[in-house]
Amino acid sequence: MYPSGRWEGFWVQEGYGRQLMQEFELRFTQGDVRGSGTDIVGPFTFTGAYDVQTGRVLMVKQYLGKHAVQYAGEPDGEGCIQGTWQIELRGYRLTGSFLLRPVIRRPSQDEPIQEIG
């Protein structure tokens, strides 16, 4: 359902706005998802599961040496995963939206365009 490889995206937090996640790795295998990357908070890993029929994703983003973030998302119909993140931290619940999308390799200026046929 989802391609394994390079992904990018962002999360939104009230008071901080949209925060980009630089390119990171996600691997989807028979309902299991794993990955790693870096954003403004620091390096992180992703572990979780996805429903191979519906595309629903439940993941934990664990910042190395820091807090964990719960991600719950759905396919957006265009190959992306959109949803809500949540943190339980010192008795407070923080939440916001996120979007993850696969990185699509585009031909460079000097690379010939190939016909589909």
PDB file of N, CA and C in Angstrom:
ATOM      1  N   MET A   1       0.826  -1.199   0.000  1.00  0.00           N
ATOM      2  CA  MET A   1       0.000   0.000   0.000  1.00  0.00           C
ATOM      3  C   MET A   1       0.870   1.262   0.000  1.00  0.00           C
ATOM      4  N   TYR A   2       1.811   1.345   0.926  1.00  0.00           N
ATOM      5  CA  TYR A   2       2.721   2.490   0.986  1.00  0.00           C
ATOM      6  C   TYR A   2       4.095   2.048   0.516  1.00  0.00           C
ATOM      7  N   PRO A   3       4.831   2.926  -0.180  1.00  0.00           N
ATOM      8  CA  PRO A   3       6.175   2.550  -0.617  1.00  0.00           C
ATOM      9  C   PRO A   3       7.198   2.681   0.513  1.00  0.00           C
ATOM     10  N   SER A   4       8.064   1.701   0.624  1.00  0.00           N
ATOM     11  CA  SER A   4       9.190   1.815   1.541  1.00  0.00           C
ATOM     12  C   SER A   4      10.231   2.725   0.904  1.00  0.00           C
ATOM     13  N   GLY A   5      10.956   3.452   1.732  1.00  0.00           N
ATOM     14  CA  GLY A   5      12.003   4.326   1.214  1.00  0.00           C
ATOM     15  C   GLY A   5      11.993   5.673   1.894  1.00  0.00           C
ATOM     16  N   ARG A   6      12.367   6.690   1.127  1.00  0.00           N
ATOM     17  CA  ARG A   6      12.489   8.048   1.654  1.00  0.00           C
ATOM     18  C   ARG A   6      11.109   8.713   1.724  1.00  0.00           C
ATOM     19  N   TRP A   7      10.840   9.352   2.873  1.00  0.00           N
ATOM     20  CA  TRP A   7       9.615  10.108   3.086  1.00  0.00           C
ATOM     21  C   TRP A   7       9.986  11.493   3.604  1.00  0.00           C
ATOM     22  N   GLU A   8       9.041  12.408   3.580  1.00  0.00           N
ATOM     23  CA  GLU A   8       9.189  13.741   4.148  1.00  0.00           C
ATOM     24  C   GLU A   8       7.845  14.141   4.710  1.00  0.00           C
ATOM     25  N   GLY A   9       7.818  15.240   5.440  1.00  0.00           N
ATOM     26  CA  GLY A   9       6.535  15.670   5.972  1.00  0.00           C
ATOM     27  C   GLY A   9       6.667  16.796   6.969  1.00  0.00           C
ATOM     28  N   PHE A  10       5.596  16.979   7.725  1.00  0.00           N
ATOM     29  CA  PHE A  10       5.589  18.024   8.747  1.00  0.00           C
ATOM     30  C   PHE A  10       4.571  17.669   9.813  1.00  0.00           C
ATOM     31  N   TRP A  11       4.737  18.290  10.973  1.00  0.00           N
ATOM     32  CA  TRP A  11       3.744  18.238  12.039  1.00  0.00           C
ATOM     33  C   TRP A  11       3.457  19.664  12.458  1.00  0.00           C
ATOM     34  N   VAL A  12       2.262  19.886  12.968  1.00  0.00           N
ATOM     35  CA  VAL A  12       1.823  21.224  13.356  1.00  0.00           C
ATOM     36  C   VAL A  12       1.532  21.227  14.847  1.00  0.00           C
ATOM     37  N   GLN A  13       2.099  22.234  15.539  1.00  0.00           N
ATOM     38  CA  GLN A  13       1.846  22.381  16.973  1.00  0.00           C
ATOM     39  C   GLN A  13       1.452  23.822  17.256  1.00  0.00           C
ATOM     40  N   GLU A  14       0.362  23.984  18.005  1.00  0.00           N
ATOM     41  CA  GLU A  14      -0.110  25.314  18.352  1.00  0.00           C
ATOM     42  C   GLU A  14       1.016  26.099  19.022  1.00  0.00           C
ATOM     43  N   GLY A  15       1.192  27.320  18.600  1.00  0.00           N
ATOM     44  CA  GLY A  15       2.234  28.183  19.158  1.00  0.00           C
ATOM     45  C   GLY A  15       3.576  28.063  18.451  1.00  0.00           C
ATOM     46  N   TYR A  16       3.784  26.950  17.728  1.00  0.00           N
ATOM     47  CA  TYR A  16       5.045  26.724  17.017  1.00  0.00           C
ATOM     48  C   TYR A  16       4.853  26.633  15.507  1.00  0.00           C
ATOM     49  N   GLY A  17       3.615  26.382  15.083  1.00  0.00           N
ATOM     50  CA  GLY A  17       3.323  26.290  13.654  1.00  0.00           C
ATOM     51  C   GLY A  17       3.776  24.985  13.038  1.00  0.00           C
ATOM     52  N   ARG A  18       3.990  25.026  11.738  1.00  0.00           N
ATOM     53  CA  ARG A  18       4.389  23.845  10.975  1.00  0.00           C
ATOM     54  C   ARG A  18       5.883  23.583  11.159  1.00  0.00           C
ATOM     55  N   GLN A  19       6.209  22.361  11.526  1.00  0.00           N
ATOM     56  CA  GLN A  19       7.597  21.955  11.727  1.00  0.00           C
ATOM     57  C   GLN A  19       7.939  20.846  10.736  1.00  0.00           C
ATOM     58  N   LEU A  20       8.942  21.091   9.899  1.00  0.00           N
ATOM     59  CA  LEU A  20       9.313  20.135   8.858  1.00  0.00           C
ATOM     60  C   LEU A  20      10.093  18.959   9.425  1.00  0.00           C
ATOM     61  N   MET A  21       9.846  17.804   8.839  1.00  0.00           N
ATOM     62  CA  MET A  21      10.692  16.636   9.073  1.00  0.00           C
ATOM     63  C   MET A  21      11.523  16.472   7.813  1.00  0.00           C
ATOM     64  N   GLN A  22      12.841  16.582   7.961  1.00  0.00           N
ATOM     65  CA  GLN A  22      13.714  16.375   6.819  1.00  0.00           C
ATOM     66  C   GLN A  22      13.480  14.963   6.305  1.00  0.00           C
ATOM     67  N   GLU A  23      13.992  14.666   5.106  1.00  0.00           N
ATOM     68  CA  GLU A  23      13.809  13.321   4.563  1.00  0.00           C
ATOM     69  C   GLU A  23      14.178  12.278   5.605  1.00  0.00           C
ATOM     70  N   PHE A  24      13.328  11.271   5.716  1.00  0.00           N
ATOM     71  CA  PHE A  24      13.564  10.179   6.657  1.00  0.00           C
ATOM     72  C   PHE A  24      13.163   8.875   5.996  1.00  0.00           C
ATOM     73  N   GLU A  25      13.492   7.784   6.620  1.00  0.00           N
ATOM     74  CA  GLU A  25      13.255   6.455   6.067  1.00  0.00           C
ATOM     75  C   GLU A  25      12.046   5.800   6.720  1.00  0.00           C
ATOM     76  N   LEU A  26      11.167   5.204   5.915  1.00  0.00           N
ATOM     77  CA  LEU A  26      10.076   4.360   6.423  1.00  0.00           C
ATOM     78  C   LEU A  26      10.070   3.063   5.636  1.00  0.00           C
ATOM     79  N   ARG A  27       9.914   1.950   6.356  1.00  0.00           N
ATOM     80  CA  ARG A  27       9.826   0.618   5.753  1.00  0.00           C
ATOM     81  C   ARG A  27       8.497  -0.013   6.131  1.00  0.00           C
ATOM     82  N   PHE A  28       7.727  -0.402   5.119  1.00  0.00           N
ATOM     83  CA  PHE A  28       6.421  -1.037   5.313  1.00  0.00           C
ATOM     84  C   PHE A  28       6.531  -2.500   4.900  1.00  0.00           C
ATOM     85  N   THR A  29       6.268  -3.416   5.841  1.00  0.00           N
ATOM     86  CA  THR A  29       6.383  -4.843   5.568  1.00  0.00           C
ATOM     87  C   THR A  29       5.259  -5.603   6.254  1.00  0.00           C
ATOM     88  N   GLN A  30       4.330  -6.136   5.481  1.00  0.00           N
ATOM     89  CA  GLN A  30       3.270  -7.012   5.977  1.00  0.00           C
ATOM     90  C   GLN A  30       2.599  -6.490   7.254  1.00  0.00           C
ATOM     91  N   GLY A  31       2.184  -5.241   7.230  1.00  0.00           N
ATOM     92  CA  GLY A  31       1.477  -4.655   8.361  1.00  0.00           C
ATOM     93  C   GLY A  31       2.362  -4.009   9.409  1.00  0.00           C
ATOM     94  N   ASP A  32       3.667  -4.114   9.252  1.00  0.00           N
ATOM     95  CA  ASP A  32       4.626  -3.539  10.202  1.00  0.00           C
ATOM     96  C   ASP A  32       5.289  -2.321   9.560  1.00  0.00           C
ATOM     97  N   VAL A  33       5.506  -1.269  10.338  1.00  0.00           N
ATOM     98  CA  VAL A  33       6.208  -0.094   9.825  1.00  0.00           C
ATOM     99  C   VAL A  33       7.316   0.291  10.796  1.00  0.00           C
ATOM    100  N   ARG A  34       8.471   0.602  10.232  1.00  0.00           N
ATOM    101  CA  ARG A  34       9.638   1.035  11.017  1.00  0.00           C
ATOM    102  C   ARG A  34      10.371   2.114  10.227  1.00  0.00           C
ATOM    103  N   GLY A  35      11.052   2.989  10.956  1.00  0.00           N
ATOM    104  CA  GLY A  35      11.801   4.023  10.271  1.00  0.00           C
ATOM    105  C   GLY A  35      12.627   4.853  11.217  1.00  0.00           C
ATOM    106  N   SER A  36      13.319   5.833  10.649  1.00  0.00           N
ATOM    107  CA  SER A  36      14.143   6.740  11.456  1.00  0.00           C
ATOM    108  C   SER A  36      14.404   8.017  10.669  1.00  0.00           C
ATOM    109  N   GLY A  37      14.738   9.069  11.405  1.00  0.00           N
ATOM    110  CA  GLY A  37      15.012  10.350  10.784  1.00  0.00           C
ATOM    111  C   GLY A  37      15.354  11.401  11.818  1.00  0.00           C
ATOM    112  N   THR A  38      15.239  12.669  11.417  1.00  0.00           N
ATOM    113  CA  THR A  38      15.568  13.804  12.270  1.00  0.00           C
ATOM    114  C   THR A  38      14.612  14.950  11.964  1.00  0.00           C
ATOM    115  N   ASP A  39      14.227  15.689  12.995  1.00  0.00           N
ATOM    116  CA  ASP A  39      13.501  16.940  12.804  1.00  0.00           C
ATOM    117  C   ASP A  39      14.035  17.960  13.805  1.00  0.00           C
ATOM    118  N   ILE A  40      13.339  19.058  13.996  1.00  0.00           N
ATOM    119  CA  ILE A  40      13.818  20.139  14.845  1.00  0.00           C
ATOM    120  C   ILE A  40      14.042  19.698  16.297  1.00  0.00           C
ATOM    121  N   VAL A  41      13.311  18.677  16.762  1.00  0.00           N
ATOM    122  CA  VAL A  41      13.466  18.182  18.136  1.00  0.00           C
ATOM    123  C   VAL A  41      14.714  17.321  18.257  1.00  0.00           C
ATOM    124  N   GLY A  42      15.050  16.576  17.185  1.00  0.00           N
ATOM    125  CA  GLY A  42      16.230  15.723  17.201  1.00  0.00           C
ATOM    126  C   GLY A  42      16.007  14.433  16.436  1.00  0.00           C
ATOM    127  N   PRO A  43      16.964  13.493  16.554  1.00  0.00           N
ATOM    128  CA  PRO A  43      16.819  12.204  15.873  1.00  0.00           C
ATOM    129  C   PRO A  43      15.704  11.376  16.498  1.00  0.00           C
ATOM    130  N   PHE A  44      15.030  10.564  15.651  1.00  0.00           N
ATOM    131  CA  PHE A  44      13.908   9.760  16.123  1.00  0.00           C
ATOM    132  C   PHE A  44      13.847   8.429  15.388  1.00  0.00           C
ATOM    133  N   THR A  45      13.081   7.509  15.951  1.00  0.00           N
ATOM    134  CA  THR A  45      12.719   6.266  15.278  1.00  0.00           C
ATOM    135  C   THR A  45      11.198   6.194  15.217  1.00  0.00           C
ATOM    136  N   PHE A  46      10.695   5.491  14.219  1.00  0.00           N
ATOM    137  CA  PHE A  46       9.274   5.185  14.111  1.00  0.00           C
ATOM    138  C   PHE A  46       9.111   3.676  14.242  1.00  0.00           C
ATOM    139  N   THR A  47       8.142   3.230  15.018  1.00  0.00           N
ATOM    140  CA  THR A  47       7.736   1.828  15.057  1.00  0.00           C
ATOM    141  C   THR A  47       6.219   1.802  15.116  1.00  0.00           C
ATOM    142  N   GLY A  48       5.627   0.804  14.475  1.00  0.00           N
ATOM    143  CA  GLY A  48       4.182   0.717  14.527  1.00  0.00           C
ATOM    144  C   GLY A  48       3.625  -0.281  13.548  1.00  0.00           C
ATOM    145  N   ALA A  49       2.371  -0.057  13.189  1.00  0.00           N
ATOM    146  CA  ALA A  49       1.654  -0.982  12.318  1.00  0.00           C
ATOM    147  C   ALA A  49       0.738  -0.204  11.381  1.00  0.00           C
ATOM    148  N   TYR A  50       0.403  -0.863  10.273  1.00  0.00           N
ATOM    149  CA  TYR A  50      -0.575  -0.301   9.345  1.00  0.00           C
ATOM    150  C   TYR A  50      -1.498  -1.419   8.891  1.00  0.00           C
ATOM    151  N   ASP A  51      -2.718  -1.053   8.590  1.00  0.00           N
ATOM    152  CA  ASP A  51      -3.709  -2.002   8.107  1.00  0.00           C
ATOM    153  C   ASP A  51      -3.544  -2.115   6.593  1.00  0.00           C
ATOM    154  N   VAL A  52      -3.220  -3.310   6.116  1.00  0.00           N
ATOM    155  CA  VAL A  52      -2.958  -3.488   4.687  1.00  0.00           C
ATOM    156  C   VAL A  52      -4.204  -3.287   3.827  1.00  0.00           C
ATOM    157  N   GLN A  53      -5.389  -3.342   4.413  1.00  0.00           N
ATOM    158  CA  GLN A  53      -6.634  -3.134   3.667  1.00  0.00           C
ATOM    159  C   GLN A  53      -7.035  -1.662   3.615  1.00  0.00           C
ATOM    160  N   THR A  54      -7.020  -0.999   4.774  1.00  0.00           N
ATOM    161  CA  THR A  54      -7.521   0.378   4.856  1.00  0.00           C
ATOM    162  C   THR A  54      -6.420   1.436   4.771  1.00  0.00           C
ATOM    163  N   GLY A  55      -5.172   1.059   5.094  1.00  0.00           N
ATOM    164  CA  GLY A  55      -4.075   2.020   5.116  1.00  0.00           C
ATOM    165  C   GLY A  55      -3.945   2.781   6.418  1.00  0.00           C
ATOM    166  N   ARG A  56      -4.812   2.502   7.392  1.00  0.00           N
ATOM    167  CA  ARG A  56      -4.719   3.170   8.697  1.00  0.00           C
ATOM    168  C   ARG A  56      -3.372   2.853   9.330  1.00  0.00           C
ATOM    169  N   VAL A  57      -2.721   3.883   9.875  1.00  0.00           N
ATOM    170  CA  VAL A  57      -1.380   3.753  10.455  1.00  0.00           C
ATOM    171  C   VAL A  57      -1.403   4.176  11.916  1.00  0.00           C
ATOM    172  N   LEU A  58      -0.792   3.373  12.780  1.00  0.00           N
ATOM    173  CA  LEU A  58      -0.569   3.719  14.181  1.00  0.00           C
ATOM    174  C   LEU A  58       0.913   3.534  14.441  1.00  0.00           C
ATOM    175  N   MET A  59       1.596   4.627  14.816  1.00  0.00           N
ATOM    176  CA  MET A  59       3.044   4.578  15.023  1.00  0.00           C
ATOM    177  C   MET A  59       3.426   5.338  16.288  1.00  0.00           C
ATOM    178  N   VAL A  60       4.585   4.977  16.810  1.00  0.00           N
ATOM    179  CA  VAL A  60       5.202   5.733  17.894  1.00  0.00           C
ATOM    180  C   VAL A  60       6.494   6.325  17.344  1.00  0.00           C
ATOM    181  N   LYS A  61       6.601   7.631  17.463  1.00  0.00           N
ATOM    182  CA  LYS A  61       7.832   8.343  17.090  1.00  0.00           C
ATOM    183  C   LYS A  61       8.588   8.563  18.394  1.00  0.00           C
ATOM    184  N   GLN A  62       9.712   7.877  18.551  1.00  0.00           N
ATOM    185  CA  GLN A  62      10.505   7.959  19.776  1.00  0.00           C
ATOM    186  C   GLN A  62      11.740   8.811  19.512  1.00  0.00           C
ATOM    187  N   TYR A  63      11.793   9.976  20.156  1.00  0.00           N
ATOM    188  CA  TYR A  63      12.996  10.801  20.061  1.00  0.00           C
ATOM    189  C   TYR A  63      14.069  10.171  20.933  1.00  0.00           C
ATOM    190  N   LEU A  64      15.265  10.036  20.397  1.00  0.00           N
ATOM    191  CA  LEU A  64      16.339   9.374  21.123  1.00  0.00           C
ATOM    192  C   LEU A  64      16.689  10.147  22.390  1.00  0.00           C
ATOM    193  N   GLY A  65      16.521   9.484  23.548  1.00  0.00           N
ATOM    194  CA  GLY A  65      16.804  10.105  24.836  1.00  0.00           C
ATOM    195  C   GLY A  65      15.763  11.111  25.283  1.00  0.00           C
ATOM    196  N   LYS A  66      14.633  11.158  24.591  1.00  0.00           N
ATOM    197  CA  LYS A  66      13.598  12.149  24.907  1.00  0.00           C
ATOM    198  C   LYS A  66      12.230  11.479  24.943  1.00  0.00           C
ATOM    199  N   HIS A  67      11.198  12.234  24.680  1.00  0.00           N
ATOM    200  CA  HIS A  67       9.816  11.771  24.767  1.00  0.00           C
ATOM    201  C   HIS A  67       9.378  10.995  23.514  1.00  0.00           C
ATOM    202  N   ALA A  68       8.210  10.348  23.643  1.00  0.00           N
ATOM    203  CA  ALA A  68       7.593   9.628  22.532  1.00  0.00           C
ATOM    204  C   ALA A  68       6.340  10.363  22.077  1.00  0.00           C
ATOM    205  N   VAL A  69       5.998  10.203  20.811  1.00  0.00           N
ATOM    206  CA  VAL A  69       4.826  10.840  20.214  1.00  0.00           C
ATOM    207  C   VAL A  69       4.000   9.751  19.522  1.00  0.00           C
ATOM    208  N   GLN A  70       2.708   9.707  19.796  1.00  0.00           N
ATOM    209  CA  GLN A  70       1.799   8.762  19.145  1.00  0.00           C
ATOM    210  C   GLN A  70       1.296   9.386  17.841  1.00  0.00           C
ATOM    211  N   TYR A  71       1.353   8.639  16.754  1.00  0.00           N
ATOM    212  CA  TYR A  71       0.840   9.077  15.458  1.00  0.00           C
ATOM    213  C   TYR A  71      -0.284   8.145  15.025  1.00  0.00           C
ATOM    214  N   ALA A  72      -1.436   8.701  14.649  1.00  0.00           N
ATOM    215  CA  ALA A  72      -2.556   7.937  14.097  1.00  0.00           C
ATOM    216  C   ALA A  72      -2.954   8.607  12.795  1.00  0.00           C
ATOM    217  N   GLY A  73      -2.865   7.869  11.692  1.00  0.00           N
ATOM    218  CA  GLY A  73      -3.135   8.482  10.401  1.00  0.00           C
ATOM    219  C   GLY A  73      -3.893   7.591   9.451  1.00  0.00           C
ATOM    220  N   GLU A  74      -4.329   8.202   8.368  1.00  0.00           N
ATOM    221  CA  GLU A  74      -5.111   7.550   7.315  1.00  0.00           C
ATOM    222  C   GLU A  74      -4.526   7.978   5.971  1.00  0.00           C
ATOM    223  N   PRO A  75      -4.726   7.162   4.932  1.00  0.00           N
ATOM    224  CA  PRO A  75      -4.314   7.611   3.602  1.00  0.00           C
ATOM    225  C   PRO A  75      -5.173   8.785   3.146  1.00  0.00           C
ATOM    226  N   ASP A  76      -4.558   9.721   2.432  1.00  0.00           N
ATOM    227  CA  ASP A  76      -5.307  10.904   1.976  1.00  0.00           C
ATOM    228  C   ASP A  76      -5.831  10.752   0.554  1.00  0.00           C
ATOM    229  N   GLY A  77      -5.613   9.597  -0.071  1.00  0.00           N
ATOM    230  CA  GLY A  77      -6.075   9.372  -1.439  1.00  0.00           C
ATOM    231  C   GLY A  77      -5.068   9.766  -2.494  1.00  0.00           C
ATOM    232  N   GLU A  78      -3.948  10.376  -2.078  1.00  0.00           N
ATOM    233  CA  GLU A  78      -2.916  10.804  -3.023  1.00  0.00           C
ATOM    234  C   GLU A  78      -1.547  10.244  -2.643  1.00  0.00           C
ATOM    235  N   GLY A  79      -1.534   9.162  -1.858  1.00  0.00           N
ATOM    236  CA  GLY A  79      -0.275   8.519  -1.488  1.00  0.00           C
ATOM    237  C   GLY A  79       0.338   9.015  -0.198  1.00  0.00           C
ATOM    238  N   CYS A  80      -0.287   9.992   0.444  1.00  0.00           N
ATOM    239  CA  CYS A  80       0.217  10.557   1.691  1.00  0.00           C
ATOM    240  C   CYS A  80      -0.522   9.944   2.881  1.00  0.00           C
ATOM    241  N   ILE A  81       0.052  10.141   4.052  1.00  0.00           N
ATOM    242  CA  ILE A  81      -0.592   9.753   5.307  1.00  0.00           C
ATOM    243  C   ILE A  81      -0.850  11.031   6.084  1.00  0.00           C
ATOM    244  N   GLN A  82      -2.101  11.262   6.471  1.00  0.00           N
ATOM    245  CA  GLN A  82      -2.429  12.444   7.264  1.00  0.00           C
ATOM    246  C   GLN A  82      -3.137  12.003   8.531  1.00  0.00           C
ATOM    247  N   GLY A  83      -2.951  12.778   9.578  1.00  0.00           N
ATOM    248  CA  GLY A  83      -3.614  12.407  10.818  1.00  0.00           C
ATOM    249  C   GLY A  83      -3.263  13.316  11.968  1.00  0.00           C
ATOM    250  N   THR A  84      -3.261  12.720  13.165  1.00  0.00           N
ATOM    251  CA  THR A  84      -3.066  13.470  14.400  1.00  0.00           C
ATOM    252  C   THR A  84      -1.956  12.840  15.227  1.00  0.00           C
ATOM    253  N   TRP A  85      -1.108  13.676  15.799  1.00  0.00           N
ATOM    254  CA  TRP A  85      -0.093  13.216  16.747  1.00  0.00           C
ATOM    255  C   TRP A  85      -0.539  13.613  18.136  1.00  0.00           C
ATOM    256  N   GLN A  86       0.001  12.910  19.140  1.00  0.00           N
ATOM    257  CA  GLN A  86      -0.359  13.194  20.532  1.00  0.00           C
ATOM    258  C   GLN A  86       0.816  12.861  21.449  1.00  0.00           C
ATOM    259  N   ILE A  87       1.037  13.721  22.431  1.00  0.00           N
ATOM    260  CA  ILE A  87       2.075  13.505  23.445  1.00  0.00           C
ATOM    261  C   ILE A  87       1.434  13.605  24.820  1.00  0.00           C
ATOM    262  N   GLU A  88       1.733  12.653  25.669  1.00  0.00           N
ATOM    263  CA  GLU A  88       1.370  12.733  27.087  1.00  0.00           C
ATOM    264  C   GLU A  88       2.679  13.074  27.807  1.00  0.00           C
ATOM    265  N   LEU A  89       2.766  14.269  28.370  1.00  0.00           N
ATOM    266  CA  LEU A  89       4.021  14.732  28.950  1.00  0.00           C
ATOM    267  C   LEU A  89       3.751  15.484  30.261  1.00  0.00           C
ATOM    268  N   ARG A  90       4.241  14.924  31.352  1.00  0.00           N
ATOM    269  CA  ARG A  90       4.090  15.546  32.675  1.00  0.00           C
ATOM    270  C   ARG A  90       2.634  15.902  32.988  1.00  0.00           C
ATOM    271  N   GLY A  91       1.720  15.010  32.675  1.00  0.00           N
ATOM    272  CA  GLY A  91       0.320  15.240  32.983  1.00  0.00           C
ATOM    273  C   GLY A  91      -0.433  16.096  31.980  1.00  0.00           C
ATOM    274  N   TYR A  92       0.244  16.541  30.929  1.00  0.00           N
ATOM    275  CA  TYR A  92      -0.394  17.351  29.893  1.00  0.00           C
ATOM    276  C   TYR A  92      -0.512  16.541  28.619  1.00  0.00           C
ATOM    277  N   ARG A  93      -1.558  16.811  27.867  1.00  0.00           N
ATOM    278  CA  ARG A  93      -1.732  16.189  26.562  1.00  0.00           C
ATOM    279  C   ARG A  93      -1.585  17.260  25.496  1.00  0.00           C
ATOM    280  N   LEU A  94      -0.621  17.068  24.637  1.00  0.00           N
ATOM    281  CA  LEU A  94      -0.424  17.950  23.489  1.00  0.00           C
ATOM    282  C   LEU A  94      -0.845  17.192  22.250  1.00  0.00           C
ATOM    283  N   THR A  95      -1.432  17.886  21.288  1.00  0.00           N
ATOM    284  CA  THR A  95      -1.873  17.230  20.067  1.00  0.00           C
ATOM    285  C   THR A  95      -1.830  18.204  18.899  1.00  0.00           C
ATOM    286  N   GLY A  96      -1.807  17.656  17.710  1.00  0.00           N
ATOM    287  CA  GLY A  96      -1.801  18.467  16.497  1.00  0.00           C
ATOM    288  C   GLY A  96      -1.915  17.567  15.285  1.00  0.00           C
ATOM    289  N   SER A  97      -1.810  18.145  14.109  1.00  0.00           N
ATOM    290  CA  SER A  97      -1.935  17.381  12.874  1.00  0.00           C
ATOM    291  C   SER A  97      -0.562  17.091  12.276  1.00  0.00           C
ATOM    292  N   PHE A  98      -0.536  16.146  11.341  1.00  0.00           N
ATOM    293  CA  PHE A  98       0.688  15.836  10.615  1.00  0.00           C
ATOM    294  C   PHE A  98       0.351  15.382   9.206  1.00  0.00           C
ATOM    295  N   LEU A  99       1.351  15.431   8.334  1.00  0.00           N
ATOM    296  CA  LEU A  99       1.251  14.901   6.987  1.00  0.00           C
ATOM    297  C   LEU A  99       2.591  14.275   6.637  1.00  0.00           C
ATOM    298  N   LEU A 100       2.566  13.050   6.128  1.00  0.00           N
ATOM    299  CA  LEU A 100       3.772  12.364   5.656  1.00  0.00           C
ATOM    300  C   LEU A 100       3.555  12.006   4.190  1.00  0.00           C
ATOM    301  N   ARG A 101       4.586  12.186   3.362  1.00  0.00           N
ATOM    302  CA  ARG A 101       4.460  11.848   1.949  1.00  0.00           C
ATOM    303  C   ARG A 101       5.761  11.225   1.442  1.00  0.00           C
ATOM    304  N   PRO A 102       5.632  10.249   0.535  1.00  0.00           N
ATOM    305  CA  PRO A 102       6.844   9.650  -0.027  1.00  0.00           C
ATOM    306  C   PRO A 102       7.589  10.669  -0.877  1.00  0.00           C
ATOM    307  N   VAL A 103       8.905  10.590  -0.847  1.00  0.00           N
ATOM    308  CA  VAL A 103       9.731  11.457  -1.685  1.00  0.00           C
ATOM    309  C   VAL A 103       9.744  10.858  -3.087  1.00  0.00           C
ATOM    310  N   ILE A 104       9.329  11.651  -4.052  1.00  0.00           N
ATOM    311  CA  ILE A 104       9.286  11.186  -5.435  1.00  0.00           C
ATOM    312  C   ILE A 104      10.530  11.702  -6.143  1.00  0.00           C
ATOM    313  N   ARG A 105      11.290  10.774  -6.673  1.00  0.00           N
ATOM    314  CA  ARG A 105      12.499  11.146  -7.404  1.00  0.00           C
ATOM    315  C   ARG A 105      12.088  11.692  -8.767  1.00  0.00           C
ATOM    316  N   ARG A 106      12.517  12.902  -9.050  1.00  0.00           N
ATOM    317  CA  ARG A 106      12.200  13.528 -10.328  1.00  0.00           C
ATOM    318  C   ARG A 106      13.465  13.552 -11.193  1.00  0.00           C
ATOM    319  N   PRO A 107      13.295  13.426 -12.500  1.00  0.00           N
ATOM    320  CA  PRO A 107      14.474  13.446 -13.363  1.00  0.00           C
ATOM    321  C   PRO A 107      15.211  14.773 -13.257  1.00  0.00           C
ATOM    322  N   SER A 108      16.531  14.702 -13.334  1.00  0.00           N
ATOM    323  CA  SER A 108      17.324  15.937 -13.352  1.00  0.00           C
ATOM    324  C   SER A 108      17.163  16.590 -14.723  1.00  0.00           C
ATOM    325  N   GLN A 109      17.672  17.804 -14.855  1.00  0.00           N
ATOM    326  CA  GLN A 109      17.522  18.566 -16.103  1.00  0.00           C
ATOM    327  C   GLN A 109      18.101  17.820 -17.316  1.00  0.00           C
ATOM    328  N   ASP A 110      19.198  17.078 -17.111  1.00  0.00           N
ATOM    329  CA  ASP A 110      19.847  16.429 -18.232  1.00  0.00           C
ATOM    330  C   ASP A 110      19.454  14.954 -18.402  1.00  0.00           C
ATOM    331  N   GLU A 111      18.534  14.484 -17.596  1.00  0.00           N
ATOM    332  CA  GLU A 111      18.082  13.099 -17.685  1.00  0.00           C
ATOM    333  C   GLU A 111      16.919  13.013 -18.671  1.00  0.00           C
ATOM    334  N   PRO A 112      16.991  12.089 -19.653  1.00  0.00           N
ATOM    335  CA  PRO A 112      15.903  12.024 -20.641  1.00  0.00           C
ATOM    336  C   PRO A 112      14.609  11.523 -19.994  1.00  0.00           C
ATOM    337  N   ILE A 113      13.495  12.029 -20.486  1.00  0.00           N
ATOM    338  CA  ILE A 113      12.182  11.573 -20.032  1.00  0.00           C
ATOM    339  C   ILE A 113      11.852  10.297 -20.791  1.00  0.00           C
ATOM    340  N   GLN A 114      11.376   9.290 -20.079  1.00  0.00           N
ATOM    341  CA  GLN A 114      11.081   7.997 -20.692  1.00  0.00           C
ATOM    342  C   GLN A 114       9.604   7.894 -20.989  1.00  0.00           C
ATOM    343  N   GLU A 115       9.281   7.302 -22.105  1.00  0.00           N
ATOM    344  CA  GLU A 115       7.892   7.082 -22.465  1.00  0.00           C
ATOM    345  C   GLU A 115       7.346   5.880 -21.725  1.00  0.00           C
ATOM    346  N   ILE A 116       6.079   5.965 -21.380  1.00  0.00           N
ATOM    347  CA  ILE A 116       5.394   4.832 -20.761  1.00  0.00           C
ATOM    348  C   ILE A 116       4.655   4.121 -21.880  1.00  0.00           C
ATOM    349  N   GLY A 117       4.875   2.847 -22.003  1.00  0.00           N
ATOM    350  CA  GLY A 117       4.186   2.227 -23.111  1.00  0.00           C
ATOM    351  C   GLY A 117       4.261   0.790 -23.041  1.00  0.00           C
TER     352      GLY A 117
END
